[in-house]
C-alpha atoms as a PDB file:
ATOM      1  CA  SER A   1      -8.720  73.957  24.571  1.00  0.00           C
ATOM      2  CA  ARG A   2      -5.263  72.372  24.658  1.00  0.00           C
ATOM      3  CA  PHE A   3      -6.721  69.179  26.157  1.00  0.00           C
ATOM      4  CA  ILE A   4      -9.101  68.740  23.207  1.00  0.00           C
ATOM      5  CA  PHE A   5      -6.350  69.263  20.624  1.00  0.00           C
ATOM      6  CA  PHE A   6      -3.936  66.960  22.441  1.00  0.00           C
ATOM      7  CA  LEU A   7      -6.518  64.178  22.803  1.00  0.00           C
ATOM      8  CA  ALA A   8      -7.611  64.413  19.163  1.00  0.00           C
ATOM      9  CA  LEU A   9      -3.995  64.248  17.999  1.00  0.00           C
ATOM     10  CA  LEU A  10      -3.299  61.280  20.279  1.00  0.00           C
ATOM     11  CA  ALA A  11      -6.386  59.485  18.934  1.00  0.00           C
ATOM     12  CA  ILE A  12      -5.249  60.019  15.334  1.00  0.00           C
ATOM     13  CA  VAL A  13      -1.736  58.712  16.087  1.00  0.00           C
ATOM     14  CA  PHE A  14      -3.168  55.477  17.510  1.00  0.00           C
ATOM     15  CA  ARG A  15      -5.965  54.995  14.955  1.00  0.00           C
ATOM     16  CA  TYR A  16      -4.744  56.107  11.538  1.00  0.00           C
ATOM     17  CA  PRO A  17      -2.114  53.367  11.029  1.00  0.00           C
ATOM     18  CA  SER A  18      -3.603  50.200   9.493  1.00  0.00           C
ATOM     19  CA  SER A  19      -6.826  51.996   8.529  1.00  0.00           C
ATOM     20  CA  SER A  20      -5.940  51.255   4.875  1.00  0.00           C
ATOM     21  CA  SER A  21      -5.350  47.543   5.432  1.00  0.00           C
ATOM     22  CA  PRO A  22      -7.275  44.977   3.336  1.00  0.00           C
ATOM     23  CA  LEU A  23     -10.895  44.300   4.286  1.00  0.00           C
ATOM     24  CA  MET A  24     -11.497  41.123   6.263  1.00  0.00           C
ATOM     25  CA  GLY A  25     -14.353  39.265   7.947  1.00  0.00           C
ATOM     26  CA  ASP A  26     -17.609  41.054   8.622  1.00  0.00           C
ATOM     27  CA  GLU A  27     -16.483  44.374   7.165  1.00  0.00           C
ATOM     28  CA  ALA A  28     -15.819  42.638   3.831  1.00  0.00           C
ATOM     29  CA  ILE A  29     -19.390  41.332   3.967  1.00  0.00           C
ATOM     30  CA  THR A  30     -20.622  44.859   4.673  1.00  0.00           C
ATOM     31  CA  PHE A  31     -18.700  46.220   1.683  1.00  0.00           C
ATOM     32  CA  THR A  32     -19.741  43.566  -0.821  1.00  0.00           C
ATOM     33  CA  ARG A  33     -23.335  43.119   0.357  1.00  0.00           C
ATOM     34  CA  TYR A  34     -24.402  46.710   1.086  1.00  0.00           C
ATOM     35  CA  GLY A  35     -21.909  48.829  -0.844  1.00  0.00           C
ATOM     36  CA  PRO A  36     -23.741  48.580  -4.199  1.00  0.00           C
ATOM     37  CA  LEU A  37     -27.236  49.160  -2.740  1.00  0.00           C
ATOM     38  CA  PRO A  38     -29.173  52.457  -3.051  1.00  0.00           C
ATOM     39  CA  TRP A  39     -29.734  54.397   0.183  1.00  0.00           C
ATOM     40  CA  LYS A  40     -33.483  53.687   0.276  1.00  0.00           C
ATOM     41  CA  GLU A  41     -32.927  49.942   0.301  1.00  0.00           C
ATOM     42  CA  ILE A  42     -30.276  50.229   3.010  1.00  0.00           C
ATOM     43  CA  LEU A  43     -32.495  52.450   5.161  1.00  0.00           C
ATOM     44  CA  PHE A  44     -35.794  50.580   4.867  1.00  0.00           C
ATOM     45  CA  ASN A  45     -34.630  46.999   4.427  1.00  0.00           C
ATOM     46  CA  TYR A  46     -32.932  45.016   7.197  1.00  0.00           C
ATOM     47  CA  PRO A  47     -32.004  41.557   5.885  1.00  0.00           C
ATOM     48  CA  ASP A  48     -29.818  40.487   8.832  1.00  0.00           C
ATOM     49  CA  PRO A  49     -27.881  41.852  11.846  1.00  0.00           C
ATOM     50  CA  ASN A  50     -24.755  42.217   9.662  1.00  0.00           C
ATOM     51  CA  GLN A  51     -26.248  45.452   8.380  1.00  0.00           C
ATOM     52  CA  HIS A  52     -25.111  48.534  10.297  1.00  0.00           C
ATOM     53  CA  THR A  53     -27.369  51.003   8.545  1.00  0.00           C
ATOM     54  CA  LEU A  54     -25.864  54.361   9.496  1.00  0.00           C
ATOM     55  CA  PHE A  55     -22.326  53.173   8.779  1.00  0.00           C
ATOM     56  CA  SER A  56     -23.327  51.872   5.328  1.00  0.00           C
ATOM     57  CA  LEU A  57     -25.116  55.110   4.452  1.00  0.00           C
ATOM     58  CA  MET A  58     -22.134  57.251   5.464  1.00  0.00           C
ATOM     59  CA  SER A  59     -19.558  54.904   3.954  1.00  0.00           C
ATOM     60  CA  ASN A  60     -21.366  54.637   0.619  1.00  0.00           C
ATOM     61  CA  PHE A  61     -21.673  58.424   0.478  1.00  0.00           C
ATOM     62  CA  GLY A  62     -17.902  58.711   0.926  1.00  0.00           C
ATOM     63  CA  LEU A  63     -17.229  56.049  -1.689  1.00  0.00           C
ATOM     64  CA  SER A  64     -19.412  57.911  -4.195  1.00  0.00           C
ATOM     65  CA  LEU A  65     -17.438  61.123  -3.605  1.00  0.00           C
ATOM     66  CA  TRP A  66     -13.842  59.926  -3.243  1.00  0.00           C
ATOM     67  CA  GLY A  67     -13.795  56.536  -4.969  1.00  0.00           C
ATOM     68  CA  ASP A  68     -13.157  52.999  -3.767  1.00  0.00           C
ATOM     69  CA  SER A  69     -10.458  52.444  -1.171  1.00  0.00           C
ATOM     70  CA  GLU A  70     -10.215  50.789   2.221  1.00  0.00           C
ATOM     71  CA  LEU A  71      -9.604  54.114   3.964  1.00  0.00           C
ATOM     72  CA  VAL A  72     -12.604  55.785   2.332  1.00  0.00           C
ATOM     73  CA  PHE A  73     -14.791  52.794   3.141  1.00  0.00           C
ATOM     74  CA  ARG A  74     -13.804  53.024   6.811  1.00  0.00           C
ATOM     75  CA  TRP A  75     -13.938  56.824   7.108  1.00  0.00           C
ATOM     76  CA  PRO A  76     -17.059  56.911   9.362  1.00  0.00           C
ATOM     77  CA  SER A  77     -15.412  54.579  11.885  1.00  0.00           C
ATOM     78  CA  LEU A  78     -12.085  56.414  11.803  1.00  0.00           C
ATOM     79  CA  LEU A  79     -13.708  59.832  12.262  1.00  0.00           C
ATOM     80  CA  ALA A  80     -16.029  58.634  15.035  1.00  0.00           C
ATOM     81  CA  GLY A  81     -13.151  56.852  16.776  1.00  0.00           C
ATOM     82  CA  VAL A  82     -10.970  59.955  16.769  1.00  0.00           C
ATOM     83  CA  LEU A  83     -13.741  62.319  17.903  1.00  0.00           C
ATOM     84  CA  ALA A  84     -14.854  59.972  20.691  1.00  0.00           C
ATOM     85  CA  VAL A  85     -11.624  60.563  22.628  1.00  0.00           C
ATOM     86  CA  PRO A  86     -11.956  64.356  23.140  1.00  0.00           C
ATOM     87  CA  LEU A  87     -15.706  63.900  23.541  1.00  0.00           C
ATOM     88  CA  THR A  88     -15.005  61.562  26.459  1.00  0.00           C
ATOM     89  CA  TYR A  89     -13.137  64.413  28.129  1.00  0.00           C
ATOM     90  CA  LYS A  90     -16.019  66.849  27.539  1.00  0.00           C
ATOM     91  CA  VAL A  91     -18.680  64.445  28.800  1.00  0.00           C
ATOM     92  CA  GLY A  92     -16.474  63.490  31.749  1.00  0.00           C
ATOM     93  CA  MET A  93     -16.256  67.150  32.750  1.00  0.00           C
ATOM     94  CA  MET A  94     -20.047  67.444  32.569  1.00  0.00           C
ATOM     95  CA  LEU A  95     -20.553  64.338  34.688  1.00  0.00           C
ATOM     96  CA  CYS A  96     -17.961  64.780  37.419  1.00  0.00           C
ATOM     97  CA  LYS A  97     -16.530  68.346  37.131  1.00  0.00           C
ATOM     98  CA  SER A  98     -12.992  66.963  37.477  1.00  0.00           C
ATOM     99  CA  HIS A  99     -10.217  67.615  34.939  1.00  0.00           C
ATOM    100  CA  PHE A 100      -8.243  64.680  36.312  1.00  0.00           C
ATOM    101  CA  ALA A 101     -11.116  62.181  36.034  1.00  0.00           C
ATOM    102  CA  ALA A 102     -12.184  63.425  32.588  1.00  0.00           C
ATOM    103  CA  LEU A 103      -8.633  63.417  31.214  1.00  0.00           C
ATOM    104  CA  THR A 104      -7.915  59.978  32.683  1.00  0.00           C
ATOM    105  CA  ALA A 105     -11.059  58.546  31.069  1.00  0.00           C
ATOM    106  CA  ALA A 106     -10.134  60.068  27.703  1.00  0.00           C
ATOM    107  CA  LEU A 107      -6.575  58.702  27.907  1.00  0.00           C
ATOM    108  CA  PHE A 108      -7.898  55.235  28.716  1.00  0.00           C
ATOM    109  CA  LEU A 109     -10.140  55.383  25.648  1.00  0.00           C
ATOM    110  CA  ALA A 110      -7.314  56.752  23.487  1.00  0.00           C
ATOM    111  CA  GLY A 111      -5.194  53.686  24.289  1.00  0.00           C
ATOM    112  CA  SER A 112      -8.030  51.170  24.389  1.00  0.00           C
ATOM    113  CA  ALA A 113      -7.168  48.247  22.094  1.00  0.00           C
ATOM    114  CA  PRO A 114     -10.830  47.322  21.396  1.00  0.00           C
ATOM    115  CA  HIS A 115     -11.709  50.930  20.564  1.00  0.00           C
ATOM    116  CA  ILE A 116      -8.675  51.297  18.299  1.00  0.00           C
ATOM    117  CA  ASN A 117      -9.847  48.144  16.531  1.00  0.00           C
ATOM    118  CA  TYR A 118     -13.388  49.554  16.214  1.00  0.00           C
ATOM    119  CA  SER A 119     -11.959  52.749  14.712  1.00  0.00           C
ATOM    120  CA  GLN A 120     -10.157  50.749  12.011  1.00  0.00           C
ATOM    121  CA  LEU A 121     -13.108  48.468  11.270  1.00  0.00           C
ATOM    122  CA  GLY A 122     -15.739  49.060   8.614  1.00  0.00           C
ATOM    123  CA  ARG A 123     -18.651  48.455  10.990  1.00  0.00           C
ATOM    124  CA  GLY A 124     -20.891  50.489  13.279  1.00  0.00           C
ATOM    125  CA  TYR A 125     -19.130  49.966  16.612  1.00  0.00           C
ATOM    126  CA  ALA A 126     -17.021  53.142  16.655  1.00  0.00           C
ATOM    127  CA  LEU A 127     -20.117  55.120  15.661  1.00  0.00           C
ATOM    128  CA  THR A 128     -21.967  53.495  18.562  1.00  0.00           C
ATOM    129  CA  VAL A 129     -19.325  54.591  21.082  1.00  0.00           C
ATOM    130  CA  PHE A 130     -19.278  58.159  19.758  1.00  0.00           C
ATOM    131  CA  LEU A 131     -23.069  58.503  19.648  1.00  0.00           C
ATOM    132  CA  CYS A 132     -23.491  56.986  23.121  1.00  0.00           C
ATOM    133  CA  LEU A 133     -21.127  59.650  24.455  1.00  0.00           C
ATOM    134  CA  ALA A 134     -22.971  62.346  22.500  1.00  0.00           C
ATOM    135  CA  VAL A 135     -26.379  61.272  23.816  1.00  0.00           C
ATOM    136  CA  THR A 136     -25.047  61.185  27.382  1.00  0.00           C
ATOM    137  CA  GLY A 137     -23.544  64.664  27.055  1.00  0.00           C
ATOM    138  CA  LEU A 138     -26.688  66.098  25.472  1.00  0.00           C
ATOM    139  CA  VAL A 139     -28.874  64.679  28.242  1.00  0.00           C
ATOM    140  CA  CYS A 140     -26.571  66.353  30.782  1.00  0.00           C
ATOM    141  CA  ALA A 141     -26.797  69.629  28.857  1.00  0.00           C
ATOM    142  CA  LEU A 142     -30.569  69.362  28.627  1.00  0.00           C
ATOM    143  CA  ILE A 143     -30.864  68.793  32.372  1.00  0.00           C
ATOM    144  CA  GLN A 144     -28.665  71.807  33.094  1.00  0.00           C
ATOM    145  CA  LYS A 145     -30.586  74.051  30.670  1.00  0.00           C
ATOM    146  CA  GLY A 146     -33.997  72.545  31.383  1.00  0.00           C
ATOM    147  CA  ILE A 147     -35.405  75.526  33.286  1.00  0.00           C
ATOM    148  CA  ASP A 148     -34.693  77.825  30.338  1.00  0.00           C
ATOM    149  CA  LEU A 149     -36.731  76.291  27.519  1.00  0.00           C
ATOM    150  CA  LYS A 150     -35.191  78.528  24.838  1.00  0.00           C
ATOM    151  CA  ASN A 151     -31.628  77.476  25.659  1.00  0.00           C
ATOM    152  CA  SER A 152     -32.625  73.797  25.830  1.00  0.00           C
ATOM    153  CA  PHE A 153     -34.163  73.787  22.338  1.00  0.00           C
ATOM    154  CA  VAL A 154     -30.893  73.254  20.435  1.00  0.00           C
ATOM    155  CA  ALA A 155     -29.704  70.550  22.846  1.00  0.00           C
ATOM    156  CA  GLY A 156     -33.069  68.803  22.449  1.00  0.00           C
ATOM    157  CA  ILE A 157     -32.842  68.813  18.644  1.00  0.00           C
ATOM    158  CA  PHE A 158     -29.328  67.358  18.667  1.00  0.00           C
ATOM    159  CA  LEU A 159     -30.410  64.787  21.255  1.00  0.00           C
ATOM    160  CA  VAL A 160     -33.189  63.565  18.959  1.00  0.00           C
ATOM    161  CA  ILE A 161     -30.812  63.404  15.974  1.00  0.00           C
ATOM    162  CA  CYS A 162     -28.114  61.507  17.883  1.00  0.00           C
ATOM    163  CA  GLY A 163     -30.633  59.130  19.470  1.00  0.00           C
ATOM    164  CA  VAL A 164     -32.181  58.213  16.126  1.00  0.00           C
ATOM    165  CA  ALA A 165     -28.694  57.875  14.614  1.00  0.00           C
ATOM    166  CA  LEU A 166     -27.770  55.506  17.446  1.00  0.00           C
ATOM    167  CA  ALA A 167     -30.760  53.270  16.648  1.00  0.00           C
ATOM    168  CA  LEU A 168     -29.862  53.394  12.944  1.00  0.00           C
ATOM    169  CA  THR A 169     -26.322  52.288  13.753  1.00  0.00           C
ATOM    170  CA  LEU A 170     -27.409  49.179  15.687  1.00  0.00           C
ATOM    171  CA  PRO A 171     -31.043  48.493  16.659  1.00  0.00           C
ATOM    172  CA  SER A 172     -29.911  47.000  19.993  1.00  0.00           C
ATOM    173  CA  ASN A 173     -28.593  50.449  20.956  1.00  0.00           C
ATOM    174  CA  VAL A 174     -32.174  51.259  21.943  1.00  0.00           C
ATOM    175  CA  PHE A 175     -31.356  49.606  25.295  1.00  0.00           C
ATOM    176  CA  PHE A 176     -28.722  52.258  25.937  1.00  0.00           C
ATOM    177  CA  ILE A 177     -31.149  55.012  24.914  1.00  0.00           C
ATOM    178  CA  LEU A 178     -33.713  53.731  27.419  1.00  0.00           C
ATOM    179  CA  ALA A 179     -31.057  53.554  30.144  1.00  0.00           C
ATOM    180  CA  VAL A 180     -29.938  57.152  29.548  1.00  0.00           C
ATOM    181  CA  PHE A 181     -33.555  58.329  29.547  1.00  0.00           C
ATOM    182  CA  ILE A 182     -34.221  56.692  32.921  1.00  0.00           C
ATOM    183  CA  SER A 183     -30.910  57.998  34.290  1.00  0.00           C
ATOM    184  CA  GLY A 184     -31.847  61.517  33.209  1.00  0.00           C
ATOM    185  CA  LEU A 185     -35.190  61.329  34.999  1.00  0.00           C
ATOM    186  CA  VAL A 186     -33.508  60.031  38.157  1.00  0.00           C
ATOM    187  CA  LYS A 187     -30.873  62.769  37.966  1.00  0.00           C
ATOM    188  CA  ILE A 188     -33.536  65.486  37.714  1.00  0.00           C
ATOM    189  CA  PHE A 189     -35.509  63.965  40.576  1.00  0.00           C
ATOM    190  CA  PHE A 190     -32.509  63.913  42.933  1.00  0.00           C
ATOM    191  CA  SER A 191     -31.142  67.338  41.981  1.00  0.00           C
ATOM    192  CA  GLY A 192     -32.815  70.613  42.873  1.00  0.00           C
ATOM    193  CA  ASN A 193     -36.319  71.562  43.911  1.00  0.00           C
ATOM    194  CA  ARG A 194     -38.928  68.847  43.398  1.00  0.00           C
ATOM    195  CA  ASP A 195     -42.023  70.969  43.805  1.00  0.00           C
ATOM    196  CA  GLY A 196     -44.573  70.651  41.012  1.00  0.00           C
ATOM    197  CA  SER A 197     -43.886  73.672  38.783  1.00  0.00           C
ATOM    198  CA  SER A 198     -40.084  73.646  39.108  1.00  0.00           C
ATOM    199  CA  PHE A 199     -39.799  69.904  38.523  1.00  0.00           C
ATOM    200  CA  LEU A 200     -42.098  70.138  35.491  1.00  0.00           C
ATOM    201  CA  LYS A 201     -39.987  72.898  33.920  1.00  0.00           C
ATOM    202  CA  ARG A 202     -36.828  70.834  34.369  1.00  0.00           C
ATOM    203  CA  VAL A 203     -38.232  67.554  33.124  1.00  0.00           C
ATOM    204  CA  THR A 204     -40.364  68.787  30.193  1.00  0.00           C
ATOM    205  CA  PRO A 205     -37.502  69.303  27.670  1.00  0.00           C
ATOM    206  CA  LEU A 206     -36.140  65.828  28.422  1.00  0.00           C
ATOM    207  CA  LEU A 207     -39.542  64.170  28.128  1.00  0.00           C
ATOM    208  CA  PHE A 208     -40.414  66.016  24.924  1.00  0.00           C
ATOM    209  CA  SER A 209     -37.069  65.227  23.243  1.00  0.00           C
ATOM    210  CA  PHE A 210     -37.252  61.522  24.061  1.00  0.00           C
ATOM    211  CA  PHE A 211     -40.926  61.388  23.071  1.00  0.00           C
ATOM    212  CA  ILE A 212     -40.064  62.639  19.562  1.00  0.00           C
ATOM    213  CA  MET A 213     -37.017  60.361  19.442  1.00  0.00           C
ATOM    214  CA  PHE A 214     -39.002  57.258  20.423  1.00  0.00           C
ATOM    215  CA  ILE A 215     -41.669  58.006  17.805  1.00  0.00           C
ATOM    216  CA  LEU A 216     -39.046  58.239  15.052  1.00  0.00           C
ATOM    217  CA  ILE A 217     -37.259  55.094  16.252  1.00  0.00           C
ATOM    218  CA  ALA A 218     -40.580  53.222  16.437  1.00  0.00           C
ATOM    219  CA  PHE A 219     -41.333  54.259  12.848  1.00  0.00           C
ATOM    220  CA  TYR A 220     -37.917  52.996  11.724  1.00  0.00           C
ATOM    221  CA  PHE A 221     -38.294  49.715  13.611  1.00  0.00           C
ATOM    222  CA  PHE A 222     -41.758  49.208  12.128  1.00  0.00           C
ATOM    223  CA  SER A 223     -40.357  49.730   8.620  1.00  0.00           C
ATOM    224  CA  ILE A 224     -37.754  46.971   9.184  1.00  0.00           C
ATOM    225  CA  LYS A 225     -39.976  44.785  11.380  1.00  0.00           C
ATOM    226  CA  GLU A 226     -39.506  41.598   9.337  1.00  0.00           C
ATOM    227  CA  GLY A 227     -35.715  41.810   9.442  1.00  0.00           C
ATOM    228  CA  LEU A 228     -35.732  42.630  13.164  1.00  0.00           C
ATOM    229  CA  ASN A 229     -37.925  39.607  13.844  1.00  0.00           C
ATOM    230  CA  ASN A 230     -35.479  37.398  11.994  1.00  0.00           C
ATOM    231  CA  GLY A 231     -32.531  38.843  13.898  1.00  0.00           C
ATOM    232  CA  ILE A 232     -34.262  38.463  17.275  1.00  0.00           C
ATOM    233  CA  ALA A 233     -35.214  34.875  16.423  1.00  0.00           C
ATOM    234  CA  ASN A 234     -31.556  34.075  15.736  1.00  0.00           C
ATOM    235  CA  TYR A 235     -30.493  35.303  19.184  1.00  0.00           C
ATOM    236  CA  SER A 236     -33.482  34.556  21.424  1.00  0.00           C
ATOM    237  CA  GLN A 237     -35.889  32.276  19.533  1.00  0.00           C
ATOM    238  CA  SER A 238     -38.565  34.940  20.014  1.00  0.00           C
ATOM    239  CA  THR A 239     -40.142  37.789  18.027  1.00  0.00           C
ATOM    240  CA  LEU A 240     -40.420  41.575  18.197  1.00  0.00           C
ATOM    241  CA  ASN A 241     -42.510  41.735  21.371  1.00  0.00           C
ATOM    242  CA  LEU A 242     -41.956  42.355  25.083  1.00  0.00           C
ATOM    243  CA  LYS A 243     -40.675  38.819  25.681  1.00  0.00           C
ATOM    244  CA  GLY A 244     -38.192  39.065  22.832  1.00  0.00           C
ATOM    245  CA  PHE A 245     -37.157  42.534  23.986  1.00  0.00           C
ATOM    246  CA  LEU A 246     -36.387  41.240  27.490  1.00  0.00           C
ATOM    247  CA  LYS A 247     -34.487  38.227  26.134  1.00  0.00           C
ATOM    248  CA  ILE A 248     -32.282  40.466  24.000  1.00  0.00           C
ATOM    249  CA  GLY A 249     -31.656  42.615  27.088  1.00  0.00           C
ATOM    250  CA  GLU A 250     -30.634  39.513  29.033  1.00  0.00           C
ATOM    251  CA  PHE A 251     -28.322  38.518  26.181  1.00  0.00           C
ATOM    252  CA  LEU A 252     -26.630  41.950  26.266  1.00  0.00           C
ATOM    253  CA  PHE A 253     -25.979  41.623  30.020  1.00  0.00           C
ATOM    254  CA  ASP A 254     -24.531  38.111  29.692  1.00  0.00           C
ATOM    255  CA  PRO A 255     -20.846  39.094  29.371  1.00  0.00           C
ATOM    256  CA  TRP A 256     -20.899  40.764  32.813  1.00  0.00           C
ATOM    257  CA  GLY A 257     -23.499  38.836  34.782  1.00  0.00           C
ATOM    258  CA  ALA A 258     -26.060  39.911  37.353  1.00  0.00           C
ATOM    259  CA  TRP A 259     -23.448  41.658  39.541  1.00  0.00           C
ATOM    260  CA  LEU A 260     -23.495  44.511  37.023  1.00  0.00           C
ATOM    261  CA  PHE A 261     -26.770  45.680  38.580  1.00  0.00           C
ATOM    262  CA  LEU A 262     -24.768  46.594  41.692  1.00  0.00           C
ATOM    263  CA  LEU A 263     -23.489  49.580  39.691  1.00  0.00           C
ATOM    264  CA  PHE A 264     -27.059  50.861  39.378  1.00  0.00           C
ATOM    265  CA  VAL A 265     -27.474  50.664  43.166  1.00  0.00           C
ATOM    266  CA  LEU A 266     -24.182  52.493  43.764  1.00  0.00           C
ATOM    267  CA  GLY A 267     -25.058  55.074  41.122  1.00  0.00           C
ATOM    268  CA  SER A 268     -28.452  55.752  42.704  1.00  0.00           C
ATOM    269  CA  VAL A 269     -26.820  56.285  46.116  1.00  0.00           C
ATOM    270  CA  ARG A 270     -24.286  58.696  44.617  1.00  0.00           C
ATOM    271  CA  LEU A 271     -27.047  60.631  42.819  1.00  0.00           C
ATOM    272  CA  LYS A 272     -28.912  60.984  46.101  1.00  0.00           C
ATOM    273  CA  GLU A 273     -25.844  62.157  48.021  1.00  0.00           C
ATOM    274  CA  ASN A 274     -24.505  64.613  45.427  1.00  0.00           C
ATOM    275  CA  GLU A 275     -26.086  67.093  43.085  1.00  0.00           C
END
């Protein structure tokens, strides 16, 4: 549609300039430390939280095809940053059925200074934003198609792929995955018939998709367990267990404070009042 084209073009205009600037800071570490490594070592070895696995895999693939340059190194961030803007519009339409709200959200993201910076940075943050939007949209699609198992199959496959990719981008993204999973269950519970057979048909695709996703993520986390333990110890003086998991969650909420939980209360009320 014209909105999608316009938003993609606007995102490119804001994000392409400076995407060929010299590497600095953490992205320079990413290039020098993980650029020369083979994909197996990047995927199954996690030396420290500076490694953004999915970004390095995609970036190194581009460098092997098109040669060394700052723009090629950053291509996963630039592409994800541009695509996130029209995707915000699509997901906004799925969530609120309002062109005005969806377009406003996409325009805010298009002009967001932090997101523009993420899109020009050789790290995994722009990929995180894009994949979080994708997972949210796919959960919405799966809920809408849940009664028809055949139509929900494709959405379920893409949900698993995007969820695993999100964990590969940054392990701490698993907190977002858990939040979306719980939100999806709540949404199904408050929308439509809750009798046994109907509810089971609606919830089964969601449960099955996340079950497969969690198994794959658990396998990946187990393969990098030593590096995860070191990273968790740096932030919470704990290890890869329930206590460490909760401490990392508390750390992620720190920038906003406990008042953020008020949004969950308001969201639950809105889910109950509106289908």
